[in-house]
N, C-alpha and C. Protein backbone atom coordinates (compact mmCIF):
# COMPACT_ATOMS: atom_id res chain seq x y z
N MET A 1 98.49 60.47 93.61
CA MET A 1 97.97 60.56 95.30
C MET A 1 98.31 61.91 95.41
N LEU A 2 96.80 62.64 96.01
CA LEU A 2 96.25 64.20 96.02
C LEU A 2 97.12 64.57 97.22
N ILE A 3 97.21 65.87 97.22
CA ILE A 3 97.56 66.49 98.49
C ILE A 3 96.59 67.66 98.63
N HIS A 4 95.93 67.80 100.10
CA HIS A 4 94.81 68.70 100.01
C HIS A 4 95.36 70.09 100.96
N PHE A 5 94.84 70.68 100.94
CA PHE A 5 95.04 72.07 101.65
C PHE A 5 94.46 73.09 101.64
N ILE A 6 93.48 73.07 102.89
CA ILE A 6 92.17 73.64 103.43
C ILE A 6 92.42 75.24 104.00
N VAL A 7 92.12 76.21 103.75
CA VAL A 7 91.99 77.50 104.31
C VAL A 7 90.79 78.34 104.70
N LYS A 8 90.65 78.06 106.17
CA LYS A 8 89.15 78.76 106.41
C LYS A 8 89.46 80.21 107.32
N ASP A 9 88.46 80.89 107.05
CA ASP A 9 88.35 82.10 107.76
C ASP A 9 86.92 82.43 108.51
N SER A 10 86.93 83.68 109.02
CA SER A 10 85.71 83.67 109.66
C SER A 10 85.42 85.45 109.69
N GLY A 11 85.76 85.67 108.14
CA GLY A 11 85.35 86.93 107.64
C GLY A 11 84.10 87.21 106.98
N ILE A 12 83.81 88.13 105.94
CA ILE A 12 82.51 88.77 105.27
C ILE A 12 81.86 86.95 104.64
N GLY A 13 82.39 86.47 104.85
CA GLY A 13 82.06 85.88 103.72
C GLY A 13 81.46 85.99 102.19
N ILE A 14 80.85 85.26 101.47
CA ILE A 14 80.11 85.37 100.28
C ILE A 14 79.09 85.20 99.91
N ALA A 15 78.03 85.65 99.09
CA ALA A 15 76.66 85.80 99.01
C ALA A 15 76.85 84.32 97.79
N PRO A 16 75.33 83.92 97.97
CA PRO A 16 75.47 82.35 97.22
C PRO A 16 75.17 82.49 95.72
N GLN A 17 75.15 83.89 95.18
CA GLN A 17 74.68 83.93 93.93
C GLN A 17 76.06 84.45 93.42
N ASN A 18 77.16 84.81 94.37
CA ASN A 18 78.43 85.12 93.65
C ASN A 18 79.40 84.24 93.37
N VAL A 19 78.95 83.16 94.60
CA VAL A 19 79.78 81.71 94.78
C VAL A 19 80.49 81.25 93.13
N SER A 20 79.45 80.91 92.31
CA SER A 20 79.82 80.51 91.13
C SER A 20 80.51 81.21 90.07
N HIS A 21 80.60 82.30 90.50
CA HIS A 21 81.45 83.44 89.83
C HIS A 21 83.01 83.79 90.19
N LEU A 22 83.47 83.01 91.24
CA LEU A 22 84.34 83.62 92.15
C LEU A 22 85.46 83.60 91.68
N PHE A 23 86.02 82.23 90.90
CA PHE A 23 87.00 82.04 89.74
C PHE A 23 87.24 82.56 88.46
N ASP A 24 85.95 83.56 88.09
CA ASP A 24 86.13 84.12 86.95
C ASP A 24 87.30 85.37 86.88
N ALA A 25 88.37 85.56 85.85
CA ALA A 25 88.96 86.35 86.10
C ALA A 25 88.53 87.81 85.92
N PHE A 26 89.21 88.52 87.12
CA PHE A 26 88.90 90.08 87.10
C PHE A 26 87.26 90.04 88.23
N THR A 27 86.87 89.34 88.86
CA THR A 27 85.40 89.20 89.41
C THR A 27 85.91 89.24 90.44
N GLN A 28 85.11 90.19 91.59
CA GLN A 28 85.43 90.27 92.84
C GLN A 28 83.78 90.37 93.24
N GLU A 29 83.74 89.90 94.42
CA GLU A 29 82.11 90.06 95.04
C GLU A 29 81.21 91.08 94.84
N ASP A 30 81.66 92.18 95.23
CA ASP A 30 81.27 93.49 94.65
C ASP A 30 82.71 94.35 94.97
N SER A 31 81.99 95.85 94.11
CA SER A 31 83.39 96.74 94.32
C SER A 31 83.57 97.28 95.08
N SER A 32 82.92 97.03 96.34
CA SER A 32 84.07 98.01 97.62
C SER A 32 84.98 96.77 97.90
N THR A 33 84.87 95.46 97.82
CA THR A 33 85.76 94.94 98.13
C THR A 33 87.31 95.05 97.76
N THR A 34 87.60 95.63 96.62
CA THR A 34 88.66 95.78 95.91
C THR A 34 89.07 97.20 96.47
N ARG A 35 88.34 97.81 96.68
CA ARG A 35 88.54 99.47 97.24
C ARG A 35 89.00 99.33 98.83
N ASN A 36 88.19 98.39 99.88
CA ASN A 36 88.56 97.89 100.80
C ASN A 36 89.96 97.11 100.93
N PHE A 37 90.12 96.36 100.96
CA PHE A 37 90.89 95.36 100.64
C PHE A 37 91.93 95.14 99.83
N GLY A 38 91.85 95.83 98.37
CA GLY A 38 93.12 95.69 97.59
C GLY A 38 92.50 94.51 96.77
N GLY A 39 93.44 94.43 95.17
CA GLY A 39 93.07 93.21 94.72
C GLY A 39 92.76 93.53 93.18
N THR A 40 92.69 92.56 92.32
CA THR A 40 92.15 92.68 90.92
C THR A 40 91.06 91.86 90.72
N GLY A 41 90.91 90.94 91.23
CA GLY A 41 90.12 89.84 91.13
C GLY A 41 91.14 88.68 90.47
N LEU A 42 92.18 88.63 90.26
CA LEU A 42 93.04 87.57 89.49
C LEU A 42 93.35 86.52 90.05
N GLY A 43 93.43 86.72 91.48
CA GLY A 43 94.20 85.26 92.43
C GLY A 43 93.44 84.46 92.39
N LEU A 44 92.11 84.55 92.33
CA LEU A 44 91.65 82.77 92.65
C LEU A 44 91.85 82.22 91.17
N THR A 45 91.65 82.86 90.24
CA THR A 45 91.64 82.61 88.95
C THR A 45 93.15 81.99 88.33
N ILE A 46 94.20 82.60 88.75
CA ILE A 46 95.21 82.04 88.67
C ILE A 46 95.67 80.74 89.68
N SER A 47 95.16 80.91 90.73
CA SER A 47 95.40 79.90 91.84
C SER A 47 94.92 78.50 91.40
N ARG A 48 93.38 78.60 90.75
CA ARG A 48 92.43 77.40 89.92
C ARG A 48 93.54 76.93 88.77
N ARG A 49 94.05 78.21 88.21
CA ARG A 49 95.11 77.33 86.89
C ARG A 49 96.52 76.69 87.34
N LEU A 50 96.88 77.27 88.56
CA LEU A 50 98.00 76.44 89.09
C LEU A 50 97.65 75.18 89.55
N CYS A 51 96.61 75.10 90.14
CA CYS A 51 96.14 73.93 90.69
C CYS A 51 95.87 72.64 89.79
N LYS A 52 95.01 72.80 88.23
CA LYS A 52 94.84 72.14 87.41
C LYS A 52 96.05 72.16 86.71
N LEU A 53 97.15 72.54 86.11
CA LEU A 53 98.51 72.28 85.59
C LEU A 53 98.72 71.17 86.96
N MET A 54 98.82 71.20 88.18
CA MET A 54 99.34 70.83 88.78
C MET A 54 98.67 68.84 89.22
N GLY A 55 97.74 68.79 88.63
CA GLY A 55 96.78 67.56 88.65
C GLY A 55 95.72 67.87 89.67
N GLY A 56 94.94 68.80 90.00
CA GLY A 56 94.09 69.25 90.79
C GLY A 56 93.36 70.35 90.58
N ASP A 57 92.42 70.78 91.53
CA ASP A 57 91.95 71.63 91.52
C ASP A 57 91.42 72.58 92.96
N ILE A 58 90.67 73.82 92.77
CA ILE A 58 90.33 74.46 94.02
C ILE A 58 88.74 74.54 93.84
N SER A 59 88.76 74.52 95.15
CA SER A 59 86.99 74.93 95.50
C SER A 59 86.90 75.65 96.65
N VAL A 60 85.30 76.14 96.81
CA VAL A 60 85.02 77.14 97.93
C VAL A 60 83.84 76.70 98.62
N VAL A 61 83.76 76.67 99.79
CA VAL A 61 82.26 76.75 100.54
C VAL A 61 82.37 77.79 101.37
N SER A 62 81.37 78.44 101.34
CA SER A 62 81.23 79.77 101.93
C SER A 62 79.88 80.04 102.21
N THR A 63 79.58 80.95 103.68
CA THR A 63 78.38 81.25 104.19
C THR A 63 78.59 82.76 104.62
N GLN A 64 77.81 83.55 104.20
CA GLN A 64 77.69 85.11 104.20
C GLN A 64 77.75 85.16 105.42
N HIS A 65 78.59 86.21 105.98
CA HIS A 65 78.67 87.29 107.28
C HIS A 65 79.27 85.78 108.35
N LEU A 66 79.68 84.58 107.85
CA LEU A 66 80.27 83.66 108.80
C LEU A 66 81.77 83.45 108.42
N GLY A 67 81.97 83.26 106.87
CA GLY A 67 83.34 83.04 106.37
C GLY A 67 83.12 81.79 105.09
N SER A 68 84.26 81.55 104.67
CA SER A 68 84.74 80.72 103.86
C SER A 68 85.94 79.35 103.97
N GLU A 69 85.45 78.54 103.19
CA GLU A 69 86.65 77.43 103.50
C GLU A 69 86.93 77.34 101.91
N PHE A 70 88.27 77.52 101.87
CA PHE A 70 88.45 77.31 100.25
C PHE A 70 89.64 75.89 100.42
N THR A 71 89.23 74.92 99.76
CA THR A 71 90.36 73.74 99.51
C THR A 71 90.85 73.31 98.37
N ALA A 72 92.18 73.29 98.08
CA ALA A 72 93.11 73.48 96.90
C ALA A 72 93.44 71.92 97.36
N SER A 73 93.97 71.48 96.05
CA SER A 73 94.71 69.82 96.13
C SER A 73 95.37 69.97 94.38
N VAL A 74 96.88 69.43 94.79
CA VAL A 74 97.76 69.21 93.62
C VAL A 74 98.25 67.38 94.10
N LYS A 75 98.36 66.81 92.71
CA LYS A 75 98.86 65.75 92.62
C LYS A 75 100.61 65.63 92.92
N VAL A 76 100.91 64.64 93.52
CA VAL A 76 102.36 65.13 94.06
C VAL A 76 103.12 64.45 93.29
N ASN A 77 102.84 63.61 92.09
CA ASN A 77 103.42 62.52 90.98
C ASN A 77 103.72 63.23 90.21
N LYS A 78 103.46 64.40 90.26
CA LYS A 78 103.20 65.31 88.69
C LYS A 78 104.55 65.63 88.49
N LYS A 79 105.55 65.96 87.57
CA LYS A 79 106.40 66.58 87.71
C LYS A 79 106.47 67.82 86.57
N ILE A 80 105.33 68.45 87.83
CA ILE A 80 105.25 69.98 87.51
C ILE A 80 105.35 70.80 88.98
N VAL A 81 106.09 71.77 88.50
CA VAL A 81 106.48 72.65 89.99
C VAL A 81 105.62 73.83 89.81
N ILE A 82 105.79 74.64 90.95
CA ILE A 82 104.82 75.49 90.75
C ILE A 82 105.63 77.11 90.09
N ALA A 83 107.06 77.13 90.39
CA ALA A 83 107.40 78.10 89.43
C ALA A 83 107.06 77.85 87.72
N ASP A 84 107.54 76.63 87.03
CA ASP A 84 107.37 76.24 86.05
C ASP A 84 105.47 76.25 85.62
N SER A 85 104.61 76.16 86.77
CA SER A 85 103.39 76.41 85.88
C SER A 85 103.35 77.60 85.97
N PHE A 86 103.77 78.77 87.12
CA PHE A 86 103.68 79.94 86.82
C PHE A 86 104.31 80.73 85.41
N ASN A 87 105.29 80.09 84.94
CA ASN A 87 106.30 80.39 83.94
C ASN A 87 104.99 80.41 82.84
N SER A 88 104.04 79.57 82.62
CA SER A 88 103.42 79.32 82.00
C SER A 88 102.52 79.84 81.45
N ILE A 89 102.19 80.31 82.70
CA ILE A 89 100.59 81.41 82.73
C ILE A 89 101.38 82.83 82.05
N GLN A 90 102.87 83.20 83.05
CA GLN A 90 103.37 84.37 82.64
C GLN A 90 103.67 84.44 81.30
N THR A 91 104.15 83.29 80.54
CA THR A 91 104.55 83.42 78.83
C THR A 91 102.84 83.59 78.47
N SER A 92 102.21 83.41 78.58
CA SER A 92 100.52 83.48 78.17
C SER A 92 100.02 84.79 77.98
N ILE A 93 100.47 85.15 78.55
CA ILE A 93 100.32 86.93 79.12
C ILE A 93 101.37 87.62 78.43
N LEU A 94 102.71 87.50 78.49
CA LEU A 94 103.33 88.33 77.71
C LEU A 94 103.57 87.95 76.13
N ASP A 95 103.43 89.02 75.16
CA ASP A 95 103.16 89.27 74.03
C ASP A 95 104.73 88.42 72.87
N SER A 96 104.82 87.31 72.99
CA SER A 96 105.95 86.52 72.32
C SER A 96 106.17 86.98 70.92
N LYS A 97 104.99 87.14 70.32
CA LYS A 97 105.11 88.28 68.73
C LYS A 97 105.99 89.80 68.74
N ASN A 98 106.27 90.24 69.54
CA ASN A 98 106.98 91.55 69.97
C ASN A 98 108.24 91.51 69.55
N SER A 99 109.05 91.63 68.70
CA SER A 99 110.39 91.49 68.60
C SER A 99 111.40 92.74 68.09
N ALA A 100 110.83 93.80 68.78
CA ALA A 100 111.28 95.17 68.81
C ALA A 100 111.92 95.29 70.03
N ASN A 101 113.44 95.77 69.74
CA ASN A 101 114.51 96.52 70.46
C ASN A 101 114.09 97.02 71.80
N HIS A 102 113.54 98.22 71.29
CA HIS A 102 112.85 99.22 72.01
C HIS A 102 114.17 99.87 72.93
N PRO A 103 114.79 100.07 71.86
CA PRO A 103 116.50 100.88 72.65
C PRO A 103 115.80 102.17 73.60
N SER A 104 114.72 102.77 73.21
CA SER A 104 114.48 103.87 74.09
C SER A 104 114.06 103.59 75.41
N LEU A 105 113.47 102.33 75.88
CA LEU A 105 113.50 101.86 77.24
C LEU A 105 115.07 101.45 78.01
N ILE A 106 115.84 101.43 77.29
CA ILE A 106 117.25 100.89 78.10
C ILE A 106 117.39 101.55 78.91
N GLY A 107 117.13 101.45 80.25
CA GLY A 107 117.77 102.55 81.61
C GLY A 107 116.83 103.54 81.77
N LEU A 108 115.50 102.98 81.52
CA LEU A 108 114.37 104.02 81.76
C LEU A 108 113.89 103.78 83.07
N LYS A 109 113.86 104.70 83.93
CA LYS A 109 113.44 104.69 85.53
C LYS A 109 111.78 104.55 85.79
N VAL A 110 111.18 103.64 86.16
CA VAL A 110 110.07 103.59 86.17
C VAL A 110 109.38 103.24 87.31
N LEU A 111 108.65 104.01 87.99
CA LEU A 111 108.28 103.93 89.26
C LEU A 111 106.52 102.87 89.20
N VAL A 112 106.35 101.89 89.67
CA VAL A 112 105.27 100.68 89.32
C VAL A 112 104.53 101.10 90.84
N ALA A 113 103.57 101.55 90.57
CA ALA A 113 102.36 101.32 91.93
C ALA A 113 101.46 100.09 91.79
N GLU A 114 101.69 99.09 92.34
CA GLU A 114 100.43 97.76 92.05
C GLU A 114 100.79 97.13 93.51
N ASP A 115 99.65 96.41 93.71
CA ASP A 115 99.44 95.90 95.11
C ASP A 115 99.46 94.47 94.74
N ASN A 116 99.15 94.08 94.02
CA ASN A 116 98.85 92.38 93.63
C ASN A 116 100.39 91.83 93.10
N GLU A 117 101.06 90.76 93.74
CA GLU A 117 102.11 89.86 93.92
C GLU A 117 102.22 89.63 92.58
N ILE A 118 101.17 88.77 91.65
CA ILE A 118 101.40 88.49 90.55
C ILE A 118 101.65 89.57 89.70
N ASN A 119 100.74 90.58 89.76
CA ASN A 119 100.73 91.44 88.99
C ASN A 119 102.08 92.27 88.78
N LYS A 120 102.88 92.56 89.56
CA LYS A 120 104.55 92.43 90.06
C LYS A 120 105.03 91.94 89.12
N LEU A 121 105.18 90.62 89.76
CA LEU A 121 105.90 89.85 88.53
C LEU A 121 105.48 89.73 87.26
N VAL A 122 104.53 89.80 86.41
CA VAL A 122 104.34 89.80 84.97
C VAL A 122 104.98 91.66 84.63
N ILE A 123 104.57 92.56 85.34
CA ILE A 123 105.29 93.86 85.09
C ILE A 123 106.61 93.77 84.67
N THR A 124 107.19 93.21 86.00
CA THR A 124 108.68 93.44 86.31
C THR A 124 109.20 92.65 85.04
N ALA A 125 108.61 91.62 84.82
CA ALA A 125 108.97 90.39 83.86
C ALA A 125 109.56 91.44 82.73
N MET A 126 108.43 92.05 81.99
CA MET A 126 107.92 92.58 80.91
C MET A 126 108.99 93.96 80.98
N LEU A 127 109.12 94.59 81.41
CA LEU A 127 110.04 95.78 81.42
C LEU A 127 111.34 95.40 81.61
N GLU A 128 111.55 94.81 82.74
CA GLU A 128 113.12 93.96 82.98
C GLU A 128 114.15 93.56 81.82
N LYS A 129 112.88 93.01 80.37
CA LYS A 129 113.41 92.22 79.50
C LYS A 129 114.01 93.44 78.16
N LYS A 130 113.58 94.50 78.95
CA LYS A 130 114.01 95.83 77.97
C LYS A 130 114.68 96.77 78.49
N GLY A 131 115.35 96.20 79.42
CA GLY A 131 116.30 96.66 80.16
C GLY A 131 115.91 98.07 81.10
N VAL A 132 114.59 98.48 81.42
CA VAL A 132 113.83 99.44 82.32
C VAL A 132 114.69 98.73 83.78
N VAL A 133 114.96 99.96 84.52
CA VAL A 133 115.32 100.06 85.68
C VAL A 133 113.87 100.39 86.75
N ILE A 134 113.10 99.61 87.49
CA ILE A 134 112.04 99.53 88.03
C ILE A 134 112.30 99.74 89.55
N HIS A 135 111.28 100.46 90.32
CA HIS A 135 111.34 100.71 91.84
C HIS A 135 109.37 100.41 91.94
N LEU A 136 109.46 99.17 92.76
CA LEU A 136 108.04 98.98 93.17
C LEU A 136 107.48 99.53 94.28
N VAL A 137 106.29 99.79 94.59
CA VAL A 137 105.64 100.30 95.51
C VAL A 137 104.16 99.73 96.01
N ASP A 138 103.34 99.57 96.89
CA ASP A 138 102.34 98.89 97.01
C ASP A 138 100.77 99.34 96.94
N ASN A 139 100.97 101.24 96.77
CA ASN A 139 99.84 102.05 97.24
C ASN A 139 100.36 103.12 96.81
N GLY A 140 99.53 103.90 96.52
CA GLY A 140 99.33 105.38 96.03
C GLY A 140 100.20 106.07 97.10
N PHE A 141 100.38 106.05 98.16
CA PHE A 141 100.59 106.91 99.13
C PHE A 141 102.23 106.78 99.87
N GLU A 142 102.46 105.57 98.68
CA GLU A 142 103.72 104.96 99.09
C GLU A 142 104.48 105.40 97.45
N CYS A 143 103.86 105.41 96.66
CA CYS A 143 103.84 106.18 95.48
C CYS A 143 104.36 107.55 95.56
N ILE A 144 103.48 108.43 95.87
CA ILE A 144 103.76 109.84 95.91
C ILE A 144 105.20 109.83 96.91
N GLN A 145 105.48 109.03 98.09
CA GLN A 145 106.83 109.45 98.94
C GLN A 145 108.05 109.18 97.86
N ALA A 146 107.85 108.02 97.54
CA ALA A 146 108.78 107.66 96.60
C ALA A 146 109.55 108.48 95.50
N HIS A 147 108.39 108.79 94.82
CA HIS A 147 108.81 110.18 93.72
C HIS A 147 109.27 111.34 94.10
N LYS A 148 108.55 111.22 95.29
CA LYS A 148 109.52 112.68 96.08
C LYS A 148 111.07 112.81 96.50
N SER A 149 111.35 111.45 96.54
CA SER A 149 112.61 111.41 97.08
C SER A 149 113.44 110.66 96.07
N GLN A 150 112.89 110.61 95.25
CA GLN A 150 114.17 110.25 93.89
C GLN A 150 113.49 110.23 92.34
N GLN A 151 114.37 110.32 91.98
CA GLN A 151 113.71 111.15 90.35
C GLN A 151 113.31 109.62 89.32
N PHE A 152 112.60 109.87 88.56
CA PHE A 152 111.81 108.66 87.42
C PHE A 152 111.57 109.32 86.46
N ASP A 153 111.45 108.53 85.71
CA ASP A 153 111.08 108.60 84.27
C ASP A 153 109.53 108.96 83.76
N LEU A 154 108.76 107.86 84.93
CA LEU A 154 107.34 107.67 84.09
C LEU A 154 106.98 106.91 85.55
N ILE A 155 105.91 106.55 85.62
CA ILE A 155 104.80 106.31 86.73
C ILE A 155 103.72 105.16 85.85
N LEU A 156 103.99 104.07 86.54
CA LEU A 156 102.74 103.10 86.02
C LEU A 156 101.76 102.60 87.37
N MET A 157 100.75 103.11 87.19
CA MET A 157 99.76 103.49 88.12
C MET A 157 98.46 102.94 88.14
N ASP A 158 98.80 101.54 89.35
CA ASP A 158 97.17 100.94 89.29
C ASP A 158 96.42 101.55 90.08
N ILE A 159 95.08 101.15 89.60
CA ILE A 159 93.73 102.27 90.11
C ILE A 159 93.36 101.71 91.22
N HIS A 160 93.30 100.35 91.80
CA HIS A 160 92.83 100.22 92.82
C HIS A 160 93.63 99.44 93.75
N MET A 161 93.74 100.12 94.92
CA MET A 161 94.81 100.02 95.90
C MET A 161 94.56 100.21 97.59
N PRO A 162 95.25 99.44 98.15
CA PRO A 162 94.59 99.89 99.75
C PRO A 162 95.41 101.37 99.99
N ILE A 163 95.15 101.67 101.03
CA ILE A 163 95.49 102.77 101.68
C ILE A 163 95.48 104.23 101.07
N MET A 164 95.92 104.44 99.70
CA MET A 164 95.52 105.35 98.78
C MET A 164 95.53 104.85 97.37
N ASP A 165 94.23 104.66 96.51
CA ASP A 165 94.18 104.33 95.38
C ASP A 165 94.94 105.05 94.33
N GLY A 166 94.77 104.71 93.00
CA GLY A 166 95.53 105.52 92.15
C GLY A 166 95.08 106.84 91.96
N ILE A 167 94.06 107.07 91.73
CA ILE A 167 93.36 107.92 91.74
C ILE A 167 93.55 109.61 91.96
N GLU A 168 93.79 109.22 93.52
CA GLU A 168 93.95 110.49 94.44
C GLU A 168 95.61 110.65 94.31
N ALA A 169 96.37 109.69 93.99
CA ALA A 169 97.63 109.47 94.38
C ALA A 169 98.01 110.30 92.81
N SER A 170 97.39 109.97 91.70
CA SER A 170 97.62 111.17 90.66
C SER A 170 97.08 112.72 90.95
N LYS A 171 96.15 112.50 91.20
CA LYS A 171 95.47 114.00 91.69
C LYS A 171 96.37 114.82 92.41
N MET A 172 97.48 114.17 93.42
CA MET A 172 98.03 114.56 94.59
C MET A 172 99.59 115.27 93.95
N ILE A 173 100.10 114.19 93.05
CA ILE A 173 101.10 114.55 92.22
C ILE A 173 100.77 115.69 91.14
N ARG A 174 100.07 115.62 90.20
CA ARG A 174 99.42 116.71 89.36
C ARG A 174 99.17 118.23 90.49
N ASN A 175 99.02 117.95 91.60
CA ASN A 175 98.82 118.99 91.96
C ASN A 175 100.09 119.58 92.79
N ASP A 176 100.89 118.81 92.83
CA ASP A 176 102.04 119.15 93.49
C ASP A 176 102.81 120.82 92.97
N SER A 177 103.15 121.30 94.02
CA SER A 177 103.62 123.15 93.65
C SER A 177 105.24 122.68 92.71
N ASP A 178 105.88 121.77 92.89
CA ASP A 178 107.38 121.03 92.42
C ASP A 178 106.57 120.45 90.93
N LYS A 179 106.80 121.54 90.09
CA LYS A 179 106.70 120.92 88.61
C LYS A 179 107.30 119.64 88.08
N THR A 180 108.48 119.76 88.72
CA THR A 180 109.27 118.52 88.33
C THR A 180 108.73 116.98 88.97
N ILE A 181 108.15 117.17 89.93
CA ILE A 181 107.70 116.18 90.48
C ILE A 181 105.88 116.06 89.65
N ALA A 182 105.02 117.37 89.61
CA ALA A 182 103.86 117.43 89.21
C ALA A 182 103.79 117.21 87.41
N ASN A 183 104.97 116.85 86.74
CA ASN A 183 104.46 116.77 84.84
C ASN A 183 105.53 115.35 84.86
N ILE A 184 105.38 114.49 85.69
CA ILE A 184 106.10 113.11 85.24
C ILE A 184 104.64 112.32 84.37
N PRO A 185 104.86 111.84 83.33
CA PRO A 185 104.17 111.04 82.91
C PRO A 185 103.49 109.96 83.47
N ILE A 186 102.08 109.64 83.64
CA ILE A 186 101.40 108.78 84.53
C ILE A 186 100.76 107.95 83.88
N ILE A 187 100.77 106.86 83.74
CA ILE A 187 99.88 105.62 83.02
C ILE A 187 99.22 104.71 83.80
N ALA A 188 97.67 104.87 83.35
CA ALA A 188 97.10 104.16 84.28
C ALA A 188 97.21 102.53 83.81
N LEU A 189 96.83 101.67 84.93
CA LEU A 189 97.19 99.84 84.55
C LEU A 189 96.06 99.37 85.21
N THR A 190 95.15 98.96 84.71
CA THR A 190 93.74 98.37 85.20
C THR A 190 92.85 97.76 84.22
N ALA A 191 92.12 96.37 84.53
CA ALA A 191 91.42 95.89 84.09
C ALA A 191 89.92 96.68 83.83
N ASN A 192 89.70 97.88 84.19
CA ASN A 192 88.65 98.82 84.05
C ASN A 192 88.92 99.39 82.10
N VAL A 193 87.96 99.01 81.02
CA VAL A 193 88.65 99.52 80.09
C VAL A 193 87.05 99.90 79.18
N MET A 194 86.51 100.45 79.95
CA MET A 194 85.14 100.88 79.20
C MET A 194 86.22 102.65 79.21
N GLU A 195 84.99 103.45 77.87
CA GLU A 195 85.42 104.59 77.42
C GLU A 195 85.39 105.74 78.81
N ASN A 196 84.49 105.50 79.33
CA ASN A 196 83.85 106.75 80.33
C ASN A 196 85.37 106.41 81.37
N ASP A 197 85.48 105.13 81.97
CA ASP A 197 86.64 105.06 82.31
C ASP A 197 87.71 106.01 82.10
N ILE A 198 88.05 105.29 80.99
CA ILE A 198 89.36 105.70 80.55
C ILE A 198 89.39 107.50 80.36
N ALA A 199 88.28 108.01 79.92
CA ALA A 199 88.32 109.48 79.94
C ALA A 199 88.04 110.17 81.32
N TYR A 200 87.79 109.07 82.55
CA TYR A 200 88.40 109.99 84.00
C TYR A 200 89.43 109.65 84.03
N TYR A 201 90.08 109.14 83.91
CA TYR A 201 91.60 108.41 84.26
C TYR A 201 92.28 109.90 83.21
N LEU A 202 92.29 110.07 82.63
CA LEU A 202 93.19 111.21 81.59
C LEU A 202 92.33 112.62 82.52
N SER A 203 91.08 112.28 82.63
CA SER A 203 90.58 113.97 82.94
C SER A 203 91.15 114.18 84.50
N VAL A 204 91.86 113.26 85.24
CA VAL A 204 92.56 113.46 86.85
C VAL A 204 93.61 113.63 86.45
N GLY A 205 94.43 113.68 85.36
CA GLY A 205 95.77 113.93 85.00
C GLY A 205 96.82 112.57 84.55
N MET A 206 96.46 111.84 84.35
CA MET A 206 97.17 110.22 83.60
C MET A 206 97.49 110.08 82.23
N ASN A 207 98.22 110.16 81.84
CA ASN A 207 98.64 110.34 80.30
C ASN A 207 97.82 109.64 79.38
N ALA A 208 97.62 108.29 79.45
CA ALA A 208 97.31 107.10 79.26
C ALA A 208 97.25 105.71 79.59
N HIS A 209 96.58 104.91 79.31
CA HIS A 209 95.61 103.85 79.96
C HIS A 209 96.40 102.35 79.74
N VAL A 210 96.87 101.39 80.09
CA VAL A 210 97.07 100.37 79.76
C VAL A 210 95.93 98.96 80.44
N ALA A 211 95.85 98.08 79.58
CA ALA A 211 94.51 97.56 79.74
C ALA A 211 94.89 96.17 81.06
N LYS A 212 94.82 95.56 81.68
CA LYS A 212 95.32 94.47 82.45
C LYS A 212 94.02 93.32 81.94
N PRO A 213 94.43 91.97 81.67
CA PRO A 213 95.68 91.40 81.41
C PRO A 213 96.77 92.26 80.48
N THR A 214 98.00 92.71 80.80
CA THR A 214 98.95 93.42 79.94
C THR A 214 99.36 93.02 78.99
N LYS A 215 99.39 93.39 77.44
CA LYS A 215 100.20 93.23 76.44
C LYS A 215 101.54 93.43 76.56
N ALA A 216 102.83 92.98 76.50
CA ALA A 216 103.91 94.00 76.47
C ALA A 216 103.89 94.66 75.49
N SER A 217 103.83 94.11 73.84
CA SER A 217 103.95 94.91 72.89
C SER A 217 103.00 96.51 73.42
N GLU A 218 102.05 96.15 73.87
CA GLU A 218 101.19 97.61 74.07
C GLU A 218 101.76 98.19 75.48
N LEU A 219 102.44 98.09 76.14
CA LEU A 219 102.86 98.29 77.14
C LEU A 219 103.90 98.94 77.09
N TYR A 220 105.02 98.29 76.06
CA TYR A 220 106.27 99.19 75.37
C TYR A 220 105.78 100.41 74.59
N ARG A 221 104.63 100.18 73.51
CA ARG A 221 104.02 101.32 72.91
C ARG A 221 103.30 102.68 73.61
N ILE A 222 103.01 102.06 74.63
CA ILE A 222 102.59 103.31 75.48
C ILE A 222 103.38 103.88 76.38
N ILE A 223 104.27 103.40 76.90
CA ILE A 223 105.44 103.99 77.38
C ILE A 223 106.13 104.89 76.25
N GLU A 224 106.52 104.39 75.23
CA GLU A 224 107.59 105.47 74.89
C GLU A 224 106.37 106.18 73.91
N GLN A 225 105.08 106.10 73.54
CA GLN A 225 104.18 107.50 73.48
C GLN A 225 104.25 108.24 74.40
N CYS A 226 104.08 107.97 75.61
CA CYS A 226 104.34 108.96 76.75
C CYS A 226 105.45 109.83 77.11
N LEU A 227 106.64 108.85 76.60
CA LEU A 227 107.68 109.94 76.81
C LEU A 227 107.68 110.66 75.58
N LYS A 228 107.77 110.22 74.19
CA LYS A 228 107.29 111.66 73.03
C LYS A 228 106.87 113.04 73.36
N THR A 229 106.02 112.57 74.63
CA THR A 229 105.01 113.76 74.21
C THR A 229 105.03 113.92 75.64
N ALA A 230 106.25 113.91 76.29
CA ALA A 230 106.19 114.46 77.98
C ALA A 230 106.96 115.73 77.68
């Protein structure tokens, strides 16, 4: 037996040529959507995978400028629950080959600026596994406020966030007159992996770059590298 969920909106809609790519990882209808509304282009990809793991699927019908209708279906007789399905996705993202203890990470206080809930869960799982103390915020503005109000050892900074993105937040932190605030290591977390993108992040004051989807071993390595050179 299938259960269907239908979600309709009367928003901006989706251009016909973009509908076929909507469920591709790290894909959004256009570059302005990320900046205006937040997100990484992973939500629909993960949603489809969850539906398929539960014996169903997800589809969309959209008219540009009029809105969209998403239909998701799942089988109720499958012994698969959302938590187990998400764990299988999370396990595929985590780098299970990494067995180092990373003692330098234990007790480390890390400020994570990330607006996507799935990404928050993944990063939290990776860092808490190594004894890191995490503080989560949703955008660059909240990141700056949190950093001014309490002491952190390092910042993991998403690039595309609502209200204030990671670029502007990093610039403001680096320009702060208080050197304790200005000199904190900042690592960019983003799916943008082109050399010119990475060079730009470094030019605005970020110390390093970690690609999404994030591998645990790479995240640990970059954090330890930044701490050594800070």
